[in-house]
Amino acid sequence: MSANRRAVLALAGLSTLIAATPAGAAASKASAPAQPKLRIDPRELGAVGDGVAKDTHALQLALDRCAVFGGGEVVLTGGTFLTGAIRIGSNTTLRIEEGATLQGSPDLADYPIVQVRWEGRWGPGYIGLIWGQGARSIALSGKGAIVASDAIKGRVQKETGLRHPALLEFVDVQDLSVTDLKTQQNDMWSIHPVYCDDVVFRNVMVNGRADGIDVDSCRRVTIDHCDFDTVDDCISLKSGRGMEGNLIARPTEDVVITDCSFKDHRWACIGIGSETSAGIRRVRVERCKMLAAHTFAVYIKSRPGRGAFIEDIVMRDLEVSGTGNGFLRLNFLDSGKQDQFPVAGFDGIPTVRNFTFERIKVTDVPVLVEAVNIHPDKPLDGLVLKDITGTAGKGITLANIKNVTLKNVAVTIAEGPKLAINNVIGKGLEGAAALSPTVRPADVVATQPPYKLGITSGKPN
């Protein structure tokens, strides 16, 4: 058999492995990927590791051979491996040892143009530096670094409008783990899992000039003992925008964020939304330190036209300081871009319910809680603020909420009322000052012709 014939068969085997995973298959625990059968050093396949020569071909060959041989480990040691986008197949671990760096190419031509999700919509864009799609049991590990090129400026290419590459991007991957690595991204999102199940990020240092981890329509995600220093949301939870996201209907759900530290320099430590058109539910955040936020440490947001829901959000045992605007903001009236194909009418108003914040320590936050941008036609149902201590410039403002519980809120307020409310029902509201009613926004109307999934995509707005 010729060498070319063998190469064709190997690539065919990789495609078969990738395609074989059912979309809803049960995955093994992401923290314990399958034991590798192969151990490949890309230098044996021609990689140089000098930071000058492009090692894309050798790295991809090593990853492909692991996948087609049923699983394995590609190990980078000592050196800087310059590469364009590389794809990881099933049952494969990419291990970047301490002292080794995977360095992204500065040339956009080294990143294939595929369908990517960007700001809640699918469209053409440059794929991430390290990516996987339709695979199972993928792991990235080691104490080395993954670094994007500073030569790729901005989030989109000005000439074409194409989205720039993320650093790590995974679509429809079952059983994904990223552990112990250091990452450095340019102006685009750093880490972007989409439609993934059973995902673990643990002991990862996430640095960059944009979002840290954008969890996009994923299930069963753990983010544990990670350190963030980013120029936009450290963590953002999303599920699509407008009719496209609403019809696809893949929520982000069952997310656990524990023992992390956050420094944000443009937006929030944890953002939920505003792309929520498939829903976000069952999110738990515990024992985290929010050390800096340009706006609010926690910002939960959406708008009419998104539809779906945000529900069952629990955050407890947080330390909050260094915020530009405050601890918590809820805004469900005007956050984010309105989609050109919105979810119209009453159905387009997000359903929001069951938010709990307890055992929170705040230090000199300008505002404790701002929760007035809530639609009067769909009030927030269920808000608990309990065992909150510290110091703040201004207190709590609430509007259009039912089933509120305020208990043991012992925060020293520098000016104004500790609590002001309008159209709020619940416990612990005694002595609240009156607040002006929230202005009801205009109804969102359906577009004509109506949106058709996969056909009427329009241009990003």
Protein backbone atom coordinates (compact mmCIF):
# COMPACT_ATOMS: atom_id res chain seq x y z
CA MET A 1 0.00 0.00 0.00
CA SER A 2 1.37 3.44 -0.92
CA ALA A 3 2.11 6.14 1.67
CA ASN A 4 -0.59 8.33 0.14
CA ARG A 5 -3.13 5.50 0.40
CA ARG A 6 -2.27 4.98 4.07
CA ALA A 7 -2.66 8.72 4.77
CA VAL A 8 -6.10 8.77 3.16
CA LEU A 9 -7.23 5.80 5.25
CA ALA A 10 -5.95 7.45 8.43
CA LEU A 11 -7.86 10.64 7.75
CA ALA A 12 -10.99 8.64 6.94
CA GLY A 13 -10.65 6.84 10.24
CA LEU A 14 -10.46 10.17 12.09
CA SER A 15 -13.64 11.39 10.38
CA THR A 16 -15.44 8.18 11.31
CA LEU A 17 -14.43 8.50 14.95
CA ILE A 18 -15.57 12.12 15.11
CA ALA A 19 -18.92 11.40 13.45
CA ALA A 20 -19.70 8.34 15.55
CA THR A 21 -20.58 10.13 18.80
CA PRO A 22 -24.37 10.63 19.25
CA ALA A 23 -25.34 14.16 20.20
CA GLY A 24 -27.00 13.04 23.44
CA ALA A 25 -24.68 10.20 24.41
CA ALA A 26 -23.87 9.75 28.08
CA ALA A 27 -20.30 10.82 28.77
CA SER A 28 -17.83 9.60 31.32
CA LYS A 29 -16.61 11.98 33.99
CA ALA A 30 -14.65 14.83 32.40
CA SER A 31 -12.17 14.82 35.28
CA ALA A 32 -11.07 11.27 34.40
CA PRO A 33 -10.48 10.95 30.63
CA ALA A 34 -9.65 7.56 29.13
CA GLN A 35 -6.13 6.37 29.77
CA PRO A 36 -3.97 7.17 26.74
CA LYS A 37 -2.68 4.25 24.70
CA LEU A 38 -0.11 6.17 22.69
CA ARG A 39 2.42 8.80 23.73
CA ILE A 40 3.66 10.88 20.82
CA ASP A 41 6.34 13.57 20.84
CA PRO A 42 5.63 15.82 17.81
CA ARG A 43 9.38 16.31 17.36
CA GLU A 44 9.49 12.72 16.14
CA LEU A 45 7.12 13.80 13.36
CA GLY A 46 9.05 16.91 12.37
CA ALA A 47 8.16 19.59 14.93
CA VAL A 48 10.97 21.99 15.76
CA GLY A 49 9.72 23.89 18.82
CA ASP A 50 11.85 26.97 18.20
CA GLY A 51 9.01 29.51 18.01
CA VAL A 52 9.98 30.41 14.43
CA ALA A 53 9.19 27.44 12.22
CA LYS A 54 5.50 26.54 12.03
CA ASP A 55 4.84 23.16 13.62
CA THR A 56 1.18 22.94 12.58
CA HIS A 57 1.61 19.91 10.31
CA ALA A 58 3.55 17.83 12.85
CA LEU A 59 1.19 18.71 15.70
CA GLN A 60 -1.90 17.86 13.65
CA LEU A 61 -0.35 14.60 12.47
CA ALA A 62 0.38 13.59 16.07
CA LEU A 63 -3.16 14.42 17.20
CA ASP A 64 -4.72 12.60 14.24
CA ARG A 65 -2.69 9.46 14.85
CA CYS A 66 -3.81 9.38 18.48
CA ALA A 67 -7.44 9.59 17.38
CA VAL A 68 -7.28 6.91 14.68
CA PHE A 69 -5.35 4.49 16.91
CA GLY A 70 -8.09 4.65 19.54
CA GLY A 71 -6.61 7.19 21.94
CA GLY A 72 -3.36 8.67 23.06
CA GLU A 73 -1.37 11.55 24.42
CA VAL A 74 0.54 14.20 22.48
CA VAL A 75 3.24 15.67 24.74
CA LEU A 76 5.00 18.99 24.25
CA THR A 77 8.19 19.49 26.23
CA GLY A 78 10.70 22.34 26.38
CA GLY A 79 10.25 24.93 23.65
CA THR A 80 7.78 27.13 21.84
CA PHE A 81 5.64 25.39 19.26
CA LEU A 82 4.34 27.90 16.71
CA THR A 83 1.12 26.69 15.12
CA GLY A 84 -2.03 27.55 13.28
CA ALA A 85 -5.34 26.00 14.32
CA ILE A 86 -5.12 22.35 15.35
CA ARG A 87 -8.02 19.94 15.87
CA ILE A 88 -8.25 17.33 18.63
CA GLY A 89 -10.12 14.08 17.96
CA SER A 90 -11.72 11.65 20.37
CA ASN A 91 -9.87 9.97 23.27
CA THR A 92 -6.93 12.33 22.89
CA THR A 93 -4.94 14.30 25.45
CA LEU A 94 -2.74 17.25 24.57
CA ARG A 95 -0.23 17.63 27.38
CA ILE A 96 1.86 20.81 27.46
CA GLU A 97 4.55 20.34 30.07
CA GLU A 98 6.00 23.09 32.24
CA GLY A 99 8.49 25.08 30.18
CA ALA A 100 6.64 24.42 26.93
CA THR A 101 4.43 26.92 25.09
CA LEU A 102 1.92 26.44 22.31
CA GLN A 103 2.10 29.74 20.42
CA GLY A 104 -0.64 30.82 18.01
CA SER A 105 0.32 31.86 14.49
CA PRO A 106 -0.01 35.57 13.63
CA ASP A 107 -1.41 34.67 10.18
CA LEU A 108 -5.20 34.44 9.90
CA ALA A 109 -4.76 32.16 6.90
CA ASP A 110 -3.64 29.50 9.39
CA TYR A 111 -7.14 29.37 10.96
CA PRO A 112 -9.86 27.72 8.82
CA ILE A 113 -13.13 29.59 8.24
CA VAL A 114 -16.00 27.46 9.54
CA GLN A 115 -19.39 28.02 11.18
CA VAL A 116 -18.75 29.61 14.59
CA ARG A 117 -21.08 30.96 17.23
CA TRP A 118 -20.44 34.62 17.88
CA GLU A 119 -22.60 36.78 20.13
CA GLY A 120 -25.35 34.18 20.04
CA ARG A 121 -25.56 33.59 16.28
CA TRP A 122 -24.01 31.01 13.94
CA GLY A 123 -22.07 32.28 10.95
CA PRO A 124 -18.70 32.07 9.21
CA GLY A 125 -15.62 32.90 11.24
CA TYR A 126 -12.10 31.78 12.07
CA ILE A 127 -11.98 28.69 14.27
CA GLY A 128 -10.08 28.63 17.57
CA LEU A 129 -6.37 27.91 17.92
CA ILE A 130 -7.10 24.55 19.60
CA TRP A 131 -10.47 23.11 18.66
CA GLY A 132 -12.57 19.98 18.57
CA GLN A 133 -15.98 19.16 17.16
CA GLY A 134 -18.26 16.17 17.49
CA ALA A 135 -15.71 14.32 19.61
CA ARG A 136 -15.60 12.61 22.99
CA SER A 137 -13.05 12.38 25.82
CA ILE A 138 -10.75 15.31 25.03
CA ALA A 139 -8.23 16.57 27.58
CA LEU A 140 -5.77 19.45 27.69
CA SER A 141 -3.36 19.32 30.60
CA GLY A 142 0.11 20.13 31.88
CA LYS A 143 1.67 23.17 33.49
CA GLY A 144 2.70 24.84 30.25
CA ALA A 145 1.14 27.76 28.38
CA ILE A 146 -1.17 28.37 25.43
CA VAL A 147 -0.62 31.84 24.00
CA ALA A 148 -2.43 33.68 21.20
CA SER A 149 -0.65 35.96 18.78
CA ASP A 150 -0.72 39.67 19.62
CA ALA A 151 -0.63 40.36 15.89
CA ILE A 152 -4.36 39.51 15.60
CA LYS A 153 -6.06 42.69 16.78
CA GLY A 154 -9.71 43.14 17.67
CA ARG A 155 -12.57 40.65 17.82
CA VAL A 156 -13.52 40.75 14.14
CA GLN A 157 -11.65 41.27 10.90
CA LYS A 158 -12.47 44.79 9.74
CA GLU A 159 -12.43 43.97 6.03
CA THR A 160 -14.77 40.97 6.17
CA GLY A 161 -16.56 41.11 9.51
CA LEU A 162 -15.40 37.56 10.25
CA ARG A 163 -14.94 36.72 13.91
CA HIS A 164 -11.31 36.25 14.96
CA PRO A 165 -10.06 32.97 16.47
CA ALA A 166 -10.82 32.05 20.06
CA LEU A 167 -7.95 30.47 21.97
CA LEU A 168 -9.76 27.19 22.81
CA GLU A 169 -13.04 26.32 21.09
CA PHE A 170 -15.01 23.10 21.35
CA VAL A 171 -18.34 22.31 19.67
CA ASP A 172 -20.47 19.28 20.56
CA VAL A 173 -17.76 17.61 22.62
CA GLN A 174 -18.75 15.05 25.26
CA ASP A 175 -16.36 14.72 28.22
CA LEU A 176 -13.91 17.62 28.05
CA SER A 177 -11.29 18.59 30.62
CA VAL A 178 -8.79 21.45 30.70
CA THR A 179 -6.49 21.39 33.73
CA ASP A 180 -3.42 23.11 35.17
CA LEU A 181 -2.59 25.22 32.11
CA LYS A 182 -1.82 28.91 31.67
CA THR A 183 -3.60 30.74 28.87
CA GLN A 184 -3.04 34.14 27.29
CA GLN A 185 -5.48 35.46 24.68
CA ASN A 186 -5.56 38.59 22.53
CA ASP A 187 -8.73 40.65 21.97
CA MET A 188 -11.08 37.72 21.24
CA TRP A 189 -12.76 35.36 23.72
CA SER A 190 -10.34 32.98 25.40
CA ILE A 191 -12.22 29.70 25.97
CA HIS A 192 -15.50 28.89 24.23
CA PRO A 193 -17.28 25.54 24.69
CA VAL A 194 -20.53 25.27 22.67
CA TYR A 195 -23.05 22.40 22.88
CA CYS A 196 -20.65 20.50 25.16
CA ASP A 197 -21.57 18.10 27.97
CA ASP A 198 -19.58 17.05 31.04
CA VAL A 199 -16.91 19.75 31.04
CA VAL A 200 -14.25 20.51 33.65
CA PHE A 201 -11.91 23.49 33.88
CA ARG A 202 -9.63 23.10 36.91
CA ASN A 203 -6.52 24.98 38.07
CA VAL A 204 -6.41 27.04 34.87
CA MET A 205 -4.92 30.56 34.76
CA VAL A 206 -6.97 32.60 32.28
CA ASN A 207 -5.43 35.88 31.14
CA GLY A 208 -6.46 37.99 28.19
CA ARG A 209 -7.91 41.13 26.72
CA ALA A 210 -11.48 39.81 26.39
CA ASP A 211 -13.81 37.23 28.01
CA GLY A 212 -12.24 34.38 29.95
CA ILE A 213 -14.59 31.36 29.66
CA ASP A 214 -17.82 31.68 27.66
CA VAL A 215 -20.04 28.69 28.44
CA ASP A 216 -22.45 28.55 25.50
CA SER A 217 -25.41 26.12 25.51
CA CYS A 218 -23.52 23.51 27.56
CA ARG A 219 -24.58 21.02 30.23
CA ARG A 220 -22.84 19.86 33.39
CA VAL A 221 -19.93 22.27 33.55
CA THR A 222 -17.48 22.60 36.46
CA ILE A 223 -15.09 25.55 36.80
CA ASP A 224 -12.92 24.97 39.86
CA HIS A 225 -9.86 26.65 41.39
CA CYS A 226 -9.27 28.82 38.33
CA ASP A 227 -7.65 32.25 38.35
CA PHE A 228 -8.96 34.95 36.00
CA ASP A 229 -7.45 38.27 34.98
CA THR A 230 -9.39 39.47 31.94
CA VAL A 231 -10.51 42.65 30.21
CA ASP A 232 -14.13 41.55 29.89
CA ASP A 233 -16.35 39.05 31.74
CA CYS A 234 -14.18 36.50 33.50
CA ILE A 235 -16.96 33.94 33.06
CA SER A 236 -20.00 34.45 30.85
CA LEU A 237 -22.93 32.04 30.54
CA LYS A 238 -24.84 32.15 27.23
CA SER A 239 -27.36 30.17 25.17
CA GLY A 240 -27.98 31.97 21.87
CA ARG A 241 -29.77 35.10 20.68
CA GLY A 242 -33.18 35.78 19.14
CA MET A 243 -35.30 33.29 17.22
CA GLU A 244 -32.25 31.27 16.18
CA GLY A 245 -31.21 30.50 19.76
CA ASN A 246 -34.82 30.08 20.86
CA LEU A 247 -35.63 27.51 18.16
CA ILE A 248 -32.38 25.57 18.67
CA ALA A 249 -33.40 25.48 22.36
CA ARG A 250 -30.15 24.23 23.88
CA PRO A 251 -29.89 25.83 27.34
CA THR A 252 -26.85 26.25 29.51
CA GLU A 253 -27.59 24.24 32.64
CA ASP A 254 -26.00 22.64 35.68
CA VAL A 255 -22.97 24.89 36.00
CA VAL A 256 -20.85 24.81 39.17
CA ILE A 257 -18.20 27.49 39.81
CA THR A 258 -16.10 27.00 42.95
CA ASP A 259 -13.00 28.40 44.65
CA CYS A 260 -12.06 30.77 41.83
CA SER A 261 -10.53 34.25 41.93
CA PHE A 262 -11.58 36.99 39.52
CA LYS A 263 -10.17 40.27 38.22
CA ASP A 264 -12.15 41.94 35.46
CA HIS A 265 -11.12 45.22 33.81
CA ARG A 266 -14.09 46.03 31.57
CA TRP A 267 -17.31 44.34 32.62
CA ALA A 268 -18.11 41.72 35.33
CA CYS A 269 -16.53 38.83 37.18
CA ILE A 270 -19.51 36.59 36.40
CA GLY A 271 -21.97 37.56 33.68
CA ILE A 272 -25.12 35.61 32.91
CA GLY A 273 -26.47 36.67 29.52
CA SER A 274 -27.38 38.70 27.71
CA GLU A 275 -27.60 35.91 25.08
CA THR A 276 -30.17 33.76 26.90
CA SER A 277 -32.63 32.76 24.17
CA ALA A 278 -32.43 29.03 24.95
CA GLY A 279 -32.41 29.55 28.71
CA ILE A 280 -29.95 29.30 31.59
CA ARG A 281 -30.71 27.29 34.72
CA ARG A 282 -29.22 25.61 37.76
CA VAL A 283 -26.08 27.65 38.30
CA ARG A 284 -24.16 27.43 41.58
CA VAL A 285 -21.25 29.70 42.55
CA GLU A 286 -19.44 29.10 45.84
CA ARG A 287 -16.34 30.24 47.74
CA CYS A 288 -15.07 32.69 45.14
CA LYS A 289 -13.07 35.92 45.50
CA MET A 290 -14.15 38.78 43.24
CA LEU A 291 -11.18 41.10 43.53
CA ALA A 292 -11.91 43.57 40.73
CA ALA A 293 -14.78 44.38 38.39
CA HIS A 294 -15.13 47.34 36.07
CA THR A 295 -18.92 47.36 36.56
CA PHE A 296 -20.65 44.90 38.90
CA ALA A 297 -19.07 41.75 40.28
CA VAL A 298 -22.18 39.78 39.27
CA TYR A 299 -24.27 40.96 36.31
CA ILE A 300 -27.34 38.95 35.24
CA LYS A 301 -28.87 40.35 32.08
CA SER A 302 -31.23 39.84 29.16
CA ARG A 303 -33.98 41.78 27.35
CA PRO A 304 -37.38 41.39 25.70
CA GLY A 305 -36.84 39.62 22.41
CA ARG A 306 -34.72 36.88 23.96
CA GLY A 307 -37.50 34.72 25.39
CA ALA A 308 -36.69 31.57 27.41
CA PHE A 309 -35.67 31.78 31.09
CA ILE A 310 -32.99 32.42 33.70
CA GLU A 311 -33.71 30.39 36.81
CA ASP A 312 -32.31 28.62 39.87
CA ILE A 313 -29.20 30.73 40.39
CA VAL A 314 -27.42 30.27 43.74
CA MET A 315 -24.32 32.18 44.82
CA ARG A 316 -22.86 31.89 48.30
CA ASP A 317 -19.68 32.48 50.31
CA LEU A 318 -18.31 35.24 48.10
CA GLU A 319 -15.79 37.98 48.91
CA VAL A 320 -16.34 41.10 46.79
CA SER A 321 -14.10 44.17 46.49
CA GLY A 322 -12.62 46.51 43.92
CA THR A 323 -15.83 47.02 41.93
CA GLY A 324 -16.48 50.06 39.78
CA ASN A 325 -20.29 50.00 40.16
CA GLY A 326 -21.21 47.46 42.80
CA PHE A 327 -21.88 43.88 43.83
CA LEU A 328 -25.00 42.80 41.90
CA ARG A 329 -27.03 44.12 38.99
CA LEU A 330 -30.10 42.53 37.39
CA ASN A 331 -31.14 43.98 34.03
CA PHE A 332 -33.78 42.24 31.94
CA LEU A 333 -34.97 45.25 29.93
CA ASP A 334 -32.23 46.52 27.63
CA SER A 335 -28.99 44.57 27.92
CA GLY A 336 -27.11 43.48 24.81
CA LYS A 337 -27.94 43.76 21.13
CA GLN A 338 -31.51 43.28 20.00
CA ASP A 339 -31.55 40.51 17.44
CA GLN A 340 -32.94 41.34 14.00
CA PHE A 341 -35.17 38.27 14.42
CA PRO A 342 -36.33 38.61 18.04
CA VAL A 343 -38.81 36.48 19.95
CA ALA A 344 -41.91 38.67 19.81
CA GLY A 345 -44.54 39.64 22.34
CA PHE A 346 -45.09 38.19 25.82
CA ASP A 347 -43.13 35.01 24.96
CA GLY A 348 -40.12 37.17 24.21
CA ILE A 349 -39.96 38.54 27.76
CA PRO A 350 -37.52 36.29 29.67
CA THR A 351 -38.93 34.35 32.62
CA VAL A 352 -36.70 34.98 35.64
CA ARG A 353 -37.04 33.17 38.97
CA ASN A 354 -35.32 31.73 42.02
CA PHE A 355 -32.16 33.77 42.64
CA THR A 356 -30.32 33.29 45.95
CA PHE A 357 -27.31 35.23 47.25
CA GLU A 358 -26.11 34.39 50.74
CA ARG A 359 -23.05 34.69 52.95
CA ILE A 360 -21.60 37.55 50.91
CA LYS A 361 -18.91 39.90 52.25
CA VAL A 362 -18.58 43.19 50.38
CA THR A 363 -15.87 45.80 50.85
CA ASP A 364 -16.54 49.39 49.75
CA VAL A 365 -18.73 48.51 46.78
CA PRO A 366 -20.38 51.63 45.30
CA VAL A 367 -23.82 49.94 45.12
CA LEU A 368 -24.91 46.83 46.98
CA VAL A 369 -27.74 45.62 44.71
CA GLU A 370 -29.44 47.25 41.71
CA ALA A 371 -32.45 45.21 40.56
CA VAL A 372 -34.96 47.60 39.01
CA ASN A 373 -34.73 46.82 35.27
CA ILE A 374 -37.23 43.99 35.52
CA HIS A 375 -40.27 43.79 33.26
CA PRO A 376 -43.53 44.59 35.12
CA ASP A 377 -45.37 42.02 32.96
CA LYS A 378 -43.04 39.22 34.16
CA PRO A 379 -41.72 40.05 37.62
CA LEU A 380 -38.78 38.18 39.06
CA ASP A 381 -40.28 35.37 41.15
CA GLY A 382 -38.04 34.56 44.09
CA LEU A 383 -35.07 36.61 45.34
CA VAL A 384 -33.14 35.81 48.52
CA LEU A 385 -30.51 38.16 49.95
CA LYS A 386 -29.24 36.65 53.18
CA ASP A 387 -26.27 37.04 55.55
CA ILE A 388 -24.62 39.89 53.67
CA THR A 389 -22.02 41.98 55.50
CA GLY A 390 -19.54 44.77 54.81
CA THR A 391 -19.58 48.33 53.45
CA ALA A 392 -21.22 49.98 50.46
CA GLY A 393 -21.80 53.45 49.08
CA LYS A 394 -25.50 52.90 48.33
CA GLY A 395 -27.93 50.19 49.33
CA ILE A 396 -30.49 47.94 47.64
CA THR A 397 -33.03 49.01 45.01
CA LEU A 398 -35.70 46.53 43.91
CA ALA A 399 -38.61 46.74 41.48
CA ASN A 400 -41.11 44.25 40.05
CA ILE A 401 -40.21 41.29 42.24
CA LYS A 402 -42.36 38.87 44.24
CA ASN A 403 -41.42 36.34 46.91
CA VAL A 404 -38.46 38.36 48.18
CA THR A 405 -36.60 37.39 51.35
CA LEU A 406 -34.13 39.81 52.94
CA LYS A 407 -32.49 38.45 56.06
CA ASN A 408 -29.42 39.53 58.03
CA VAL A 409 -28.33 42.18 55.55
CA ALA A 410 -25.85 43.98 57.81
CA VAL A 411 -24.05 46.27 55.39
CA THR A 412 -23.01 49.78 56.40
CA ILE A 413 -24.38 52.20 53.78
CA ALA A 414 -22.63 55.54 53.24
CA GLU A 415 -25.55 57.48 51.73
CA GLY A 416 -29.23 57.12 50.91
CA PRO A 417 -31.69 54.49 52.06
CA LYS A 418 -30.57 50.99 52.83
CA LEU A 419 -33.55 49.67 50.85
CA ALA A 420 -35.87 51.25 48.27
CA ILE A 421 -38.63 49.35 46.46
CA ASN A 422 -41.48 49.53 43.97
CA ASN A 423 -43.95 46.72 43.22
CA VAL A 424 -42.12 44.29 45.49
CA ILE A 425 -43.71 41.66 47.76
CA GLY A 426 -41.97 39.53 50.35
CA LYS A 427 -40.26 39.37 53.74
CA GLY A 428 -37.78 41.71 55.35
CA LEU A 429 -39.00 44.79 53.47
CA GLU A 430 -39.98 46.83 56.55
CA GLY A 431 -38.92 50.47 56.50
CA ALA A 432 -38.14 50.48 52.77
CA ALA A 433 -38.18 53.82 50.97
CA ALA A 434 -40.43 54.35 47.95
CA LEU A 435 -38.92 54.02 44.50
CA SER A 436 -40.24 55.38 41.20
CA PRO A 437 -41.89 52.77 38.95
CA THR A 438 -39.82 51.14 36.22
CA VAL A 439 -40.74 52.41 32.78
CA ARG A 440 -42.41 49.66 30.77
CA PRO A 441 -40.53 49.09 27.49
CA ALA A 442 -42.25 48.99 24.10
CA ASP A 443 -43.50 45.60 22.93
CA VAL A 444 -41.22 43.59 20.66
CA VAL A 445 -42.93 42.80 17.35
CA ALA A 446 -42.29 39.88 15.02
CA THR A 447 -40.25 40.41 11.87
CA GLN A 448 -41.62 39.81 8.39
CA PRO A 449 -40.93 37.50 6.72
CA PRO A 450 -40.62 35.28 9.79
CA TYR A 451 -37.31 33.68 10.68
CA LYS A 452 -36.63 30.21 9.26
CA LEU A 453 -33.96 28.22 11.06
CA GLY A 454 -30.85 27.68 8.99
CA ILE A 455 -32.13 29.71 6.02
CA THR A 456 -33.00 33.26 7.08
CA SER A 457 -29.88 34.12 9.01
CA GLY A 458 -29.43 37.74 8.05
CA LYS A 459 -26.24 39.64 8.84
CA PRO A 460 -24.94 40.04 12.38
CA ASN A 461 -26.13 43.29 13.95
